[in-house]
Protein backbone atom coordinates (compact mmCIF):
# COMPACT_ATOMS: atom_id res chain seq x y z
CA MET A 1 17.46 -46.71 -90.11
CA ALA A 2 14.47 -47.73 -87.92
CA ASP A 3 14.00 -46.15 -84.56
CA GLN A 4 15.67 -48.75 -81.21
CA LYS A 5 16.09 -48.82 -77.94
CA PHE A 6 18.95 -48.15 -75.91
CA ASP A 7 18.91 -51.57 -74.30
CA GLN A 8 18.52 -53.12 -78.42
CA PHE A 9 21.58 -51.87 -78.93
CA THR A 10 24.88 -54.68 -78.82
CA ASP A 11 28.58 -53.86 -78.39
CA GLY A 12 29.22 -51.57 -81.31
CA GLY A 13 26.13 -50.59 -82.41
CA GLU A 14 25.09 -47.01 -82.87
CA MET A 15 21.91 -45.05 -82.05
CA GLN A 16 21.71 -42.02 -84.71
CA ILE A 17 19.60 -39.15 -84.31
CA GLY A 18 18.62 -38.10 -88.01
CA ASP A 19 21.71 -39.04 -89.60
CA GLN A 20 23.78 -38.27 -86.66
CA PRO A 21 25.68 -40.94 -84.75
CA VAL A 22 24.97 -40.19 -80.85
CA GLY A 23 26.29 -43.30 -78.84
CA LEU A 24 27.48 -46.91 -78.26
CA ARG A 25 26.44 -49.56 -75.81
CA PRO A 26 28.83 -50.90 -73.54
CA SER A 27 28.86 -54.37 -72.92
CA ASP A 28 28.71 -54.46 -69.68
CA LEU A 29 25.50 -53.91 -69.03
CA THR A 30 25.80 -53.06 -65.16
CA LYS A 31 27.50 -49.46 -66.57
CA ASN A 32 26.13 -46.51 -67.54
CA PHE A 33 26.11 -45.59 -70.78
CA ILE A 34 28.66 -43.64 -72.71
CA PHE A 35 28.35 -41.11 -75.23
CA ASP A 36 30.43 -39.74 -78.29
CA PHE A 37 29.01 -36.63 -79.51
CA PRO A 38 30.02 -35.66 -82.92
CA GLY A 39 29.70 -32.47 -84.49
CA LEU A 40 28.42 -29.04 -82.35
CA GLY A 41 25.40 -30.33 -81.10
CA ILE A 42 21.68 -32.17 -81.30
CA LYS A 43 19.08 -30.66 -84.00
CA ASP A 44 15.61 -31.15 -84.08
CA GLY A 45 13.32 -32.40 -86.99
CA ASN A 46 13.75 -29.35 -88.94
CA GLY A 47 17.46 -28.73 -89.01
CA ASN A 48 17.46 -26.77 -86.11
CA TYR A 49 19.82 -26.48 -82.79
CA LEU A 50 18.22 -27.76 -79.82
CA PHE A 51 21.20 -27.18 -78.27
CA GLN A 52 25.05 -26.72 -79.22
CA TYR A 53 28.12 -28.45 -76.66
CA ALA A 54 31.78 -27.82 -76.77
CA THR A 55 34.56 -29.77 -74.82
CA ALA A 56 37.36 -28.21 -72.82
CA GLY A 57 39.64 -31.20 -73.96
CA ALA A 58 41.54 -34.18 -72.64
CA SER A 59 41.87 -32.12 -69.30
CA ALA A 60 38.45 -31.34 -68.68
CA VAL A 61 36.95 -33.13 -65.33
CA ASN A 62 34.07 -31.49 -64.25
CA TYR A 63 30.44 -31.75 -66.10
CA LEU A 64 26.53 -30.50 -65.81
CA ARG A 65 24.29 -33.30 -64.22
CA PHE A 66 20.64 -33.78 -64.85
CA ILE A 67 18.53 -35.49 -62.28
CA ASN A 68 14.42 -36.31 -62.65
CA SER A 69 12.57 -36.36 -59.72
CA SER A 70 9.44 -37.79 -58.18
CA ALA A 71 5.94 -36.41 -58.68
CA GLY A 72 5.97 -33.19 -56.23
CA GLN A 73 9.43 -32.57 -56.67
CA PRO A 74 11.76 -30.38 -58.98
CA VAL A 75 13.77 -32.12 -61.20
CA VAL A 76 17.57 -30.94 -60.91
CA ILE A 77 20.18 -28.98 -62.73
CA THR A 78 23.89 -29.66 -61.03
CA SER A 79 27.23 -30.17 -61.67
CA GLY A 80 29.83 -33.42 -60.93
CA GLY A 81 33.17 -33.61 -61.58
CA SER A 82 36.31 -34.39 -59.38
CA ASP A 83 36.84 -30.76 -58.51
CA ALA A 84 35.17 -30.41 -54.84
CA ASN A 85 33.29 -27.44 -55.66
CA VAL A 86 32.25 -27.04 -59.06
CA SER A 87 30.34 -23.65 -59.94
CA ILE A 88 27.80 -23.28 -62.98
CA SER A 89 28.11 -20.21 -65.41
CA ILE A 90 25.29 -19.02 -67.58
CA ASN A 91 26.57 -16.69 -69.99
CA PRO A 92 23.74 -15.11 -72.25
CA LEU A 93 24.92 -13.73 -75.81
CA GLY A 94 26.20 -9.97 -76.30
CA THR A 95 23.51 -7.45 -73.97
CA GLY A 96 21.17 -10.59 -73.85
CA GLU A 97 20.07 -11.60 -70.11
CA VAL A 98 19.65 -14.30 -67.78
CA PHE A 99 15.99 -14.58 -66.45
CA ILE A 100 15.36 -16.26 -63.30
CA PRO A 101 11.67 -17.34 -62.44
CA ALA A 102 9.76 -15.97 -59.30
CA ASP A 103 9.94 -18.85 -56.94
CA VAL A 104 14.56 -18.91 -56.26
CA SER A 105 13.93 -20.60 -53.13
CA GLN A 106 16.36 -23.18 -53.56
CA LEU A 107 18.88 -20.35 -54.33
CA THR A 108 20.75 -19.50 -51.04
CA SER A 109 23.35 -17.43 -52.66
CA LEU A 110 24.01 -15.60 -56.42
CA ASP A 111 26.89 -13.56 -57.71
CA VAL A 112 27.11 -10.89 -60.23
CA ASP A 113 30.39 -9.58 -60.85
CA ASN A 114 31.92 -9.03 -58.04
CA ILE A 115 29.17 -8.53 -56.10
CA ARG A 116 27.34 -11.55 -53.83
CA LEU A 117 24.03 -11.48 -52.42
CA ASP A 118 23.60 -13.99 -49.70
CA GLY A 119 20.75 -14.18 -47.56
CA ASN A 120 20.19 -10.83 -45.76
CA THR A 121 23.81 -9.74 -46.73
CA ILE A 122 24.87 -7.64 -49.89
CA SER A 123 28.74 -8.31 -49.86
CA SER A 124 32.18 -7.65 -52.46
CA THR A 125 33.89 -11.10 -53.57
CA ASP A 126 36.93 -8.46 -54.00
CA THR A 127 39.67 -8.28 -50.99
CA ASP A 128 38.97 -5.25 -49.83
CA GLY A 129 36.39 -4.35 -52.36
CA ASN A 130 34.01 -1.27 -52.45
CA ILE A 131 30.34 -1.43 -53.23
CA ASN A 132 28.89 1.15 -54.93
CA LEU A 133 25.48 2.10 -55.37
CA SER A 134 24.86 4.90 -58.14
CA PRO A 135 21.07 5.77 -59.26
CA ASN A 136 20.05 6.20 -62.88
CA GLY A 137 19.74 10.14 -63.63
CA ALA A 138 17.85 12.04 -62.01
CA GLY A 139 17.08 8.82 -59.49
CA THR A 140 17.43 9.34 -55.85
CA LEU A 141 18.96 6.52 -52.98
CA VAL A 142 16.35 5.15 -50.60
CA PHE A 143 17.56 3.29 -48.03
CA ASP A 144 14.41 1.87 -45.54
CA GLY A 145 12.43 4.58 -46.44
CA LEU A 146 14.99 7.22 -46.25
CA ILE A 147 15.89 9.56 -49.15
CA TRP A 148 19.51 10.16 -49.18
CA PRO A 149 21.61 12.57 -50.98
CA ILE A 150 23.38 12.19 -54.16
CA SER A 151 25.96 13.98 -54.33
CA ASP A 152 28.66 15.21 -51.51
CA GLY A 153 28.37 18.29 -49.10
CA ILE A 154 30.92 20.67 -48.29
CA ASN A 155 34.06 19.95 -45.43
CA GLY A 156 32.18 20.46 -41.97
CA GLN A 157 28.58 20.24 -42.40
CA PHE A 158 26.69 17.70 -41.38
CA LEU A 159 23.87 14.91 -42.31
CA MET A 160 20.15 16.05 -41.55
CA THR A 161 16.65 14.88 -41.93
CA ASP A 162 13.40 17.27 -42.20
CA GLY A 163 11.62 14.88 -40.43
CA ALA A 164 9.71 13.60 -44.14
CA GLY A 165 12.36 11.03 -44.59
CA ASN A 166 15.39 13.39 -46.83
CA LEU A 167 17.97 13.71 -45.65
CA SER A 168 20.57 16.38 -46.97
CA PHE A 169 23.88 17.89 -45.98
CA GLU A 170 23.11 21.46 -44.10
CA SER A 171 25.94 23.91 -42.43
CA VAL A 172 26.27 24.01 -38.67
CA PRO A 173 23.87 27.36 -37.34
CA GLY A 174 25.89 30.17 -36.64
CA GLY A 175 28.82 28.93 -38.89
CA GLY A 176 30.44 26.43 -36.43
CA THR A 177 32.19 23.11 -37.35
CA VAL A 178 32.82 20.05 -35.72
CA SER A 179 36.30 19.04 -35.28
CA ALA A 180 38.13 16.33 -33.33
CA GLY A 181 38.64 17.74 -30.10
CA LEU A 182 40.87 17.12 -27.25
CA GLN A 183 40.62 13.89 -25.21
CA ASN A 184 37.63 13.71 -23.44
CA GLN A 185 35.56 15.90 -24.90
CA ILE A 186 31.78 16.02 -25.99
CA ALA A 187 29.62 18.15 -28.18
CA PHE A 188 27.16 20.27 -27.39
CA TYR A 189 25.14 22.91 -29.25
CA PRO A 190 24.83 25.98 -27.39
CA ALA A 191 22.51 29.19 -28.23
CA ASP A 192 25.31 30.76 -29.81
CA GLY A 193 25.79 28.32 -32.77
CA ASP A 194 28.83 27.11 -32.03
CA LEU A 195 29.43 23.36 -31.89
CA VAL A 196 32.03 22.83 -28.83
CA ASP A 197 35.06 20.22 -30.27
CA GLY A 198 34.50 16.99 -29.96
CA LEU A 199 31.62 14.41 -31.21
CA ALA A 200 27.87 14.30 -30.25
CA THR A 201 25.95 12.23 -27.49
CA ALA A 202 24.29 9.17 -28.35
CA ASN A 203 21.46 7.14 -26.89
CA ASN A 204 21.98 5.79 -23.44
CA GLY A 205 25.60 6.87 -23.77
CA VAL A 206 28.22 9.61 -24.61
CA LEU A 207 30.51 9.46 -27.35
CA VAL A 208 33.93 10.75 -26.08
CA THR A 209 36.92 11.15 -27.97
CA ASP A 210 40.31 10.37 -27.24
CA GLY A 211 42.41 13.30 -28.56
CA THR A 212 42.44 11.53 -32.23
CA GLY A 213 38.77 11.91 -33.16
CA VAL A 214 38.09 8.75 -31.99
CA PRO A 215 34.97 7.78 -30.06
CA SER A 216 33.66 5.20 -27.80
CA ILE A 217 30.47 4.84 -26.02
CA SER A 218 30.17 5.89 -22.07
CA GLY A 219 27.08 5.09 -20.12
CA THR A 220 28.65 8.18 -17.64
CA LEU A 221 30.73 11.18 -18.36
CA PRO A 222 34.40 11.02 -17.27
CA ASP A 223 35.26 13.01 -14.62
CA ALA A 224 37.65 15.03 -17.43
CA VAL A 225 34.56 16.13 -19.38
CA GLN A 226 32.56 16.66 -16.32
CA ASP A 227 35.64 19.43 -15.02
CA ASN A 228 35.30 21.06 -18.37
CA ILE A 229 32.02 21.66 -19.74
CA THR A 230 31.76 24.77 -20.22
CA ARG A 231 27.81 25.39 -21.11
CA LEU A 232 25.41 22.67 -22.23
CA GLY A 233 23.29 24.19 -25.47
CA LEU A 234 19.94 23.56 -26.95
CA ILE A 235 18.39 20.77 -25.31
CA ALA A 236 14.64 20.67 -26.75
CA SER A 237 13.24 18.33 -24.21
CA GLY A 238 15.33 20.02 -21.27
CA MET A 239 18.18 18.70 -19.26
CA ARG A 240 17.63 15.73 -16.81
CA VAL A 241 19.77 13.96 -14.12
CA ALA A 242 19.44 10.63 -13.16
CA SER A 243 18.71 9.85 -9.49
CA GLY A 244 21.31 10.23 -6.89
CA GLN A 245 23.45 12.28 -9.35
CA GLY A 246 23.92 16.42 -9.78
CA LEU A 247 25.28 19.34 -10.74
CA ARG A 248 28.63 19.87 -9.76
CA THR A 249 31.55 21.77 -9.84
CA ASN A 250 35.14 19.75 -9.97
CA THR A 251 37.23 18.98 -6.88
CA SER A 252 39.56 21.50 -7.05
CA ALA A 253 38.83 24.35 -3.98
CA GLY A 254 37.33 27.69 -5.14
CA ASN A 255 35.91 26.07 -8.45
CA THR A 256 32.25 27.15 -9.22
CA ALA A 257 29.28 25.63 -10.98
CA LEU A 258 26.59 28.91 -12.18
CA LEU A 259 23.32 28.74 -12.19
CA GLN A 260 22.33 30.62 -15.49
CA ALA A 261 19.62 31.95 -17.82
CA TYR A 262 19.83 34.29 -21.13
CA ASP A 263 18.11 37.50 -21.07
CA VAL A 264 17.05 38.49 -24.06
CA ASP A 265 16.90 42.10 -23.97
CA GLY A 266 19.91 42.82 -22.09
CA ALA A 267 21.96 39.97 -24.88
CA ALA A 268 23.80 38.20 -21.98
CA TYR A 269 23.55 35.69 -19.27
CA THR A 270 21.95 36.31 -15.59
CA THR A 271 23.53 34.66 -12.84
CA PHE A 272 20.64 33.27 -10.63
CA ALA A 273 22.56 30.69 -8.49
CA THR A 274 27.01 30.34 -7.80
CA LEU A 275 27.87 26.99 -6.58
CA THR A 276 31.93 26.76 -5.11
CA ALA A 277 34.10 24.25 -3.85
CA GLY A 278 35.91 24.54 -0.86
CA ASN A 279 36.27 23.26 2.42
CA THR A 280 33.30 24.79 3.17
CA PRO A 281 31.05 24.19 -0.49
CA THR A 282 28.96 27.48 -0.51
CA PHE A 283 25.02 28.15 -2.43
CA ASP A 284 24.92 31.42 -2.73
CA LEU A 285 21.84 33.02 -4.36
CA ASN A 286 22.34 36.27 -6.34
CA ALA A 287 20.30 39.22 -5.44
CA ALA A 288 18.24 39.95 -8.26
CA THR A 289 16.72 36.13 -7.77
CA THR A 290 13.08 35.96 -7.35
CA LEU A 291 10.07 33.62 -6.60
CA GLY A 292 6.80 34.45 -7.90
CA GLY A 293 7.82 37.69 -8.58
CA ASN A 294 9.40 38.50 -5.12
CA THR A 295 12.81 38.58 -4.49
CA ILE A 296 14.34 36.10 -2.35
CA LEU A 297 16.19 36.60 0.72
CA THR A 298 20.01 35.74 -0.62
CA SER A 299 23.25 36.74 1.37
CA GLY A 300 23.46 39.96 -0.53
CA THR A 301 20.01 40.92 0.86
CA ALA A 302 20.47 39.95 4.02
CA PHE A 303 19.23 42.50 6.59
CA THR A 304 19.91 43.38 10.46
CA SER A 305 17.24 45.82 11.53
CA VAL A 306 13.62 46.39 10.87
CA ASN A 307 12.05 49.65 10.50
CA VAL A 308 8.43 51.29 9.78
CA GLN A 309 7.67 54.50 7.71
CA VAL A 310 3.21 55.23 8.06
CA PHE A 311 1.92 57.62 6.18
CA ASN A 312 -1.80 58.84 6.90
CA SER A 313 -1.39 61.56 4.65
CA ASN A 314 -0.23 62.37 1.47
CA GLY A 315 3.53 62.85 1.50
CA THR A 316 6.98 61.60 -0.39
CA TYR A 317 8.82 57.92 0.81
CA THR A 318 12.28 57.98 1.03
CA PRO A 319 14.55 54.76 1.78
CA THR A 320 16.12 55.01 5.34
CA ALA A 321 19.87 54.60 4.78
CA GLY A 322 20.59 50.98 4.30
CA MET A 323 17.70 49.54 3.30
CA LYS A 324 17.84 46.77 1.07
CA TYR A 325 14.69 46.10 0.27
CA CYS A 326 10.85 46.68 1.69
CA ASP A 327 7.09 45.62 1.77
CA ALA A 328 4.73 48.08 0.87
CA TYR A 329 0.84 47.80 2.41
CA VAL A 330 -0.97 50.29 0.66
CA THR A 331 -4.75 51.00 1.51
CA GLY A 332 -7.94 53.20 0.13
CA GLY A 333 -10.09 55.02 2.21
CA GLY A 334 -13.26 53.77 3.29
CA GLY A 335 -17.14 55.20 2.12
CA SER A 336 -19.33 56.81 4.83
CA GLY A 337 -22.85 55.47 5.63
CA GLY A 338 -25.64 56.56 4.16
CA SER A 339 -27.87 59.20 5.96
CA GLY A 340 -31.51 58.61 7.73
CA GLN A 341 -34.54 60.54 7.26
CA GLY A 342 -36.95 60.81 10.35
CA ALA A 343 -40.64 61.63 10.93
CA ALA A 344 -43.32 61.08 12.85
CA ALA A 345 -44.22 57.48 13.73
CA PRO A 346 -44.53 55.25 11.80
CA GLN A 347 -42.37 56.47 9.82
CA VAL A 348 -38.25 55.11 10.17
CA GLY A 349 -35.37 55.90 8.70
CA ALA A 350 -31.45 54.09 8.22
CA GLY A 351 -28.88 54.53 5.81
CA GLY A 352 -26.59 51.74 4.63
CA GLY A 353 -23.11 51.10 5.71
CA GLY A 354 -20.15 52.57 3.90
CA GLY A 355 -17.70 49.86 2.10
CA ALA A 356 -13.55 49.73 2.99
CA GLY A 357 -10.66 50.28 0.94
CA GLY A 358 -9.42 48.12 -0.98
CA THR A 359 -5.48 46.79 0.03
CA SER A 360 -2.48 45.97 -2.19
CA ILE A 361 0.87 44.12 -0.92
CA ARG A 362 4.29 44.15 -2.35
CA PHE A 363 6.50 41.81 -0.73
CA ALA A 364 10.75 42.36 -1.20
CA ILE A 365 10.75 45.37 -2.98
CA PRO A 366 14.37 46.12 -3.69
CA ALA A 367 16.19 49.43 -2.91
CA ALA A 368 16.99 49.81 -6.83
CA THR A 369 13.33 49.76 -7.48
CA ILE A 370 12.15 52.47 -4.98
CA GLY A 371 15.19 54.54 -5.95
CA VAL A 372 15.77 57.53 -4.46
CA SER A 373 12.27 58.18 -3.45
CA GLN A 374 8.27 57.83 -3.96
CA SER A 375 5.38 60.05 -3.80
CA VAL A 376 2.45 58.74 -1.66
CA THR A 377 -0.58 59.19 -2.00
CA VAL A 378 -3.22 58.13 0.91
CA GLY A 379 -6.66 58.42 -0.01
CA THR A 380 -8.81 60.10 2.50
CA GLY A 381 -12.46 59.00 3.46
CA GLY A 382 -15.77 59.55 2.69
CA ALA A 383 -17.27 62.77 3.83
CA ALA A 384 -20.07 62.08 6.39
CA PRO A 385 -23.28 62.96 4.10
CA ALA A 386 -25.73 65.86 5.15
CA ALA A 387 -28.56 64.32 7.14
CA GLY A 388 -31.77 63.08 5.56
CA ASN A 389 -32.32 61.06 2.43
CA ASN A 390 -28.68 61.72 1.28
CA PRO A 391 -26.60 58.67 0.58
CA GLY A 392 -22.63 58.07 1.75
CA ASN A 393 -19.39 59.43 -0.11
CA ALA A 394 -17.21 57.20 -1.27
CA GLY A 395 -13.21 56.84 -0.08
CA GLY A 396 -10.14 57.94 -2.34
CA ALA A 397 -7.65 55.67 -3.99
CA SER A 398 -3.82 55.48 -2.27
CA SER A 399 -0.80 54.83 -4.37
CA LEU A 400 2.84 54.11 -3.81
CA GLY A 401 4.14 56.00 -6.80
CA ALA A 402 3.44 54.43 -10.18
CA LEU A 403 4.76 51.34 -8.55
CA ILE A 404 0.87 50.55 -6.73
CA THR A 405 -2.12 51.35 -6.79
CA THR A 406 -5.41 50.33 -4.56
CA ASN A 407 -8.84 51.88 -4.51
CA GLY A 408 -11.59 53.66 -2.17
CA GLY A 409 -14.78 51.87 -0.86
CA ALA A 410 -18.15 53.22 -2.20
CA GLY A 411 -20.67 55.35 0.45
CA GLY A 412 -23.79 53.24 1.76
CA ALA A 413 -27.19 53.80 0.28
CA ALA A 414 -29.42 56.79 2.03
CA GLY A 415 -32.45 55.43 4.24
CA PRO A 416 -35.50 57.44 3.36
CA THR A 417 -38.68 57.44 5.66
CA THR A 418 -40.92 54.03 5.50
CA SER A 419 -43.49 52.50 7.28
CA GLY A 420 -42.98 49.53 5.36
CA ILE A 421 -42.17 46.03 7.15
CA ALA A 422 -38.48 44.27 6.78
CA VAL A 423 -37.05 47.14 4.70
CA THR A 424 -33.35 47.27 3.97
CA ARG A 425 -30.86 49.63 2.46
CA LEU A 426 -27.49 48.29 0.72
CA GLY A 427 -24.63 49.04 2.37
CA GLY A 428 -21.82 50.17 -0.11
CA ASN A 429 -19.18 48.25 -2.10
CA GLY A 430 -15.92 47.59 -1.37
CA GLY A 431 -13.18 49.39 -3.36
CA ALA A 432 -12.30 47.25 -6.38
CA ALA A 433 -8.83 45.29 -6.32
CA GLY A 434 -5.95 47.34 -7.47
CA SER A 435 -2.93 46.92 -9.18
CA GLY A 436 1.10 46.13 -8.72
CA GLY A 437 0.59 44.15 -5.38
CA SER A 438 2.00 40.39 -5.06
CA VAL A 439 -1.22 40.31 -3.45
CA ASN A 440 -4.44 42.62 -4.42
CA LEU A 441 -7.43 42.87 -2.02
CA ALA A 442 -10.80 44.76 -2.93
CA GLY A 443 -12.49 45.72 0.20
CA THR A 444 -15.51 44.64 2.11
CA PRO A 445 -18.85 45.81 1.07
CA GLY A 446 -20.77 48.20 4.00
CA GLY A 447 -23.60 46.91 5.87
CA VAL A 448 -27.41 46.68 5.40
CA SER A 449 -29.84 48.83 7.39
CA ILE A 450 -33.13 47.07 8.69
CA LEU A 451 -36.14 49.07 9.47
CA ASN A 452 -39.47 48.38 10.44
CA GLY A 453 -41.91 50.82 9.97
CA THR A 454 -44.83 49.35 12.36
CA SER A 455 -42.68 48.36 14.89
CA THR A 456 -40.69 51.61 14.64
CA PHE A 457 -37.52 49.41 14.76
CA VAL A 458 -34.44 50.47 12.72
CA ASN A 459 -31.20 49.28 12.78
CA CYS A 460 -28.07 51.55 10.68
CA GLY A 461 -26.02 49.27 8.54
CA GLN A 462 -22.38 48.84 9.75
CA GLY A 463 -19.53 50.37 8.28
CA ALA A 464 -17.25 47.64 6.81
CA PRO A 465 -13.60 46.81 8.29
CA SER A 466 -10.51 47.21 6.38
CA PHE A 467 -7.49 45.34 6.19
CA TRP A 468 -6.64 47.11 9.43
CA GLY A 469 -9.55 46.58 11.18
CA GLY A 470 -12.99 47.09 12.14
CA GLY A 471 -15.73 50.11 10.53
CA GLY A 472 -18.14 52.53 12.17
CA ASN A 473 -20.74 50.48 14.61
CA SER A 474 -24.37 50.43 13.91
CA THR A 475 -27.10 51.06 16.31
CA ASN A 476 -30.86 50.00 16.85
CA LEU A 477 -31.60 53.45 18.91
CA GLY A 478 -33.35 55.97 17.07
CA ASN A 479 -32.24 59.66 15.92
CA VAL A 480 -28.36 58.65 16.00
CA ASN A 481 -26.18 60.08 13.69
CA GLY A 482 -23.45 57.01 12.14
CA ALA A 483 -20.45 56.27 13.83
CA ALA A 484 -16.86 57.17 11.22
CA GLY A 485 -14.65 54.37 10.43
CA ASN A 486 -12.23 53.06 13.01
CA ALA A 487 -9.69 51.28 11.27
CA PRO A 488 -7.60 52.56 8.38
CA GLY A 489 -9.83 52.37 5.30
CA SER A 490 -12.97 51.28 7.26
CA GLY A 491 -16.61 52.59 5.96
CA GLY A 492 -19.12 54.44 8.50
CA ALA A 493 -22.22 53.46 9.98
CA GLY A 494 -25.63 54.53 8.25
CA GLY A 495 -27.16 57.58 9.92
CA ASN A 496 -30.07 56.15 12.37
CA SER A 497 -33.47 57.80 12.40
CA THR A 498 -37.18 57.75 14.01
CA THR A 499 -38.52 61.11 14.31
CA SER A 500 -35.79 63.07 13.09
CA ASN A 501 -32.86 63.24 10.23
CA THR A 502 -29.55 61.83 11.10
CA SER A 503 -26.19 61.60 8.94
CA GLY A 504 -24.17 58.66 8.31
CA GLY A 505 -20.59 58.33 9.65
CA ALA A 506 -17.40 59.43 7.48
CA GLY A 507 -15.25 57.16 6.37
CA ALA A 508 -11.64 56.46 7.47
CA ASN A 509 -8.32 57.44 5.41
CA GLY A 510 -6.58 55.23 3.81
CA VAL A 511 -2.80 54.45 5.03
CA VAL A 512 0.39 53.38 3.16
CA VAL A 513 2.80 51.37 5.73
CA ILE A 514 6.59 50.55 4.40
CA VAL A 515 8.16 48.05 6.16
CA GLU A 516 11.68 48.57 5.53
CA TYR A 517 15.05 45.67 5.88
CA ILE A 518 17.98 47.49 6.43
């Protein structure tokens, strides 16, 4: 038959595609067309199916709708029917797949088997259903850049990151385990590798157990926790205490809190201080506690009297009975001044002053460090040199056993005759800084001599002062031997010559002074 439009049909007229009658036009032109599709579907001009259709039978109430659109808007395939909610199911044949275009902005949710994708949520549509994620073969499971293990660890292991995005199950170092714990416990990781029963800390709070392993977050530690923490373990960044808070004992009289550090050599903890609760709480420092290498005065090292032992020559230091600790002052011998050479005017000569010995001081030496006794060596002062053009002699070193050593001062330069103007002769260097002291002081150098042959003016070098006081005095009087050092370890003055030779002054012997606290 010839092609006809729908509105050309009359009541009972047919529209036919190919040799298939496809519908009837209703007599009421205000109503929609109703099509009665015989057969299995509609074919193209080649006899191939464009699509097939089937009916659910007389009980069918829902259907598929095709809605056209205006310019710029998408066409719509939707469902209709008498049901309030009508789904659309697309089922490929065999192992075929359903392909959805890249633009799915109109798709608000998607159900795949028992999994629903809705916005940012992946959920199961099964009641109490699990969600299983399994990579294929040697593939990995990656969440937000973190690669998770694809097999279970062993009992007691924990999940650890290597800092490069790889997670793995690892055993607790030292063989420790994590268990449910007791009520109001928290987990700490001490140096021996064992985990205290409980749970680990969390950001801005603490996970505290209720005795059955069920945790809760707490911004502060319950009193029961504070009373029963035995040890804080490895905290890389250190432990910080909030303002107004502190390290405390529990509330029972006699209970203590210890401030300890691990003694690697002794493989044990050393206690530095003890807090004790009571009617009069106490804070006691251990006798071995030091500050800057020096023992702090504690109740165990308190003294009631002071005794001083002075060594001006070699000997042996034996502590006074009951000595708890002592201070030691060790000074080397002073150098002697240089001699002066005299001759007929206008020739003059004057030697430089001798240098002072160094001084080392060590505070709060425990009695245990001194032991039964210590040998004492006192450096002798440099001997006066022979009159004439001769340099001074160095002083000797002083020591207290092997604990402290300090050095003597050098001798002053010789003073040969000269007729020059404003000529100087150098003083001897002070003794170099020693070792073993809390403070190690170098000695003071000797004074410089000044000569003027034209006016026959001479002024010998001053002997250097030591830690304990002044050296030999200088003079501008002609033909005068140098003065010897005065205070222990000080230098001698140089010889002062106009017409005759003079000798430099001897350096003073060093000294060792022990101040005992008994």
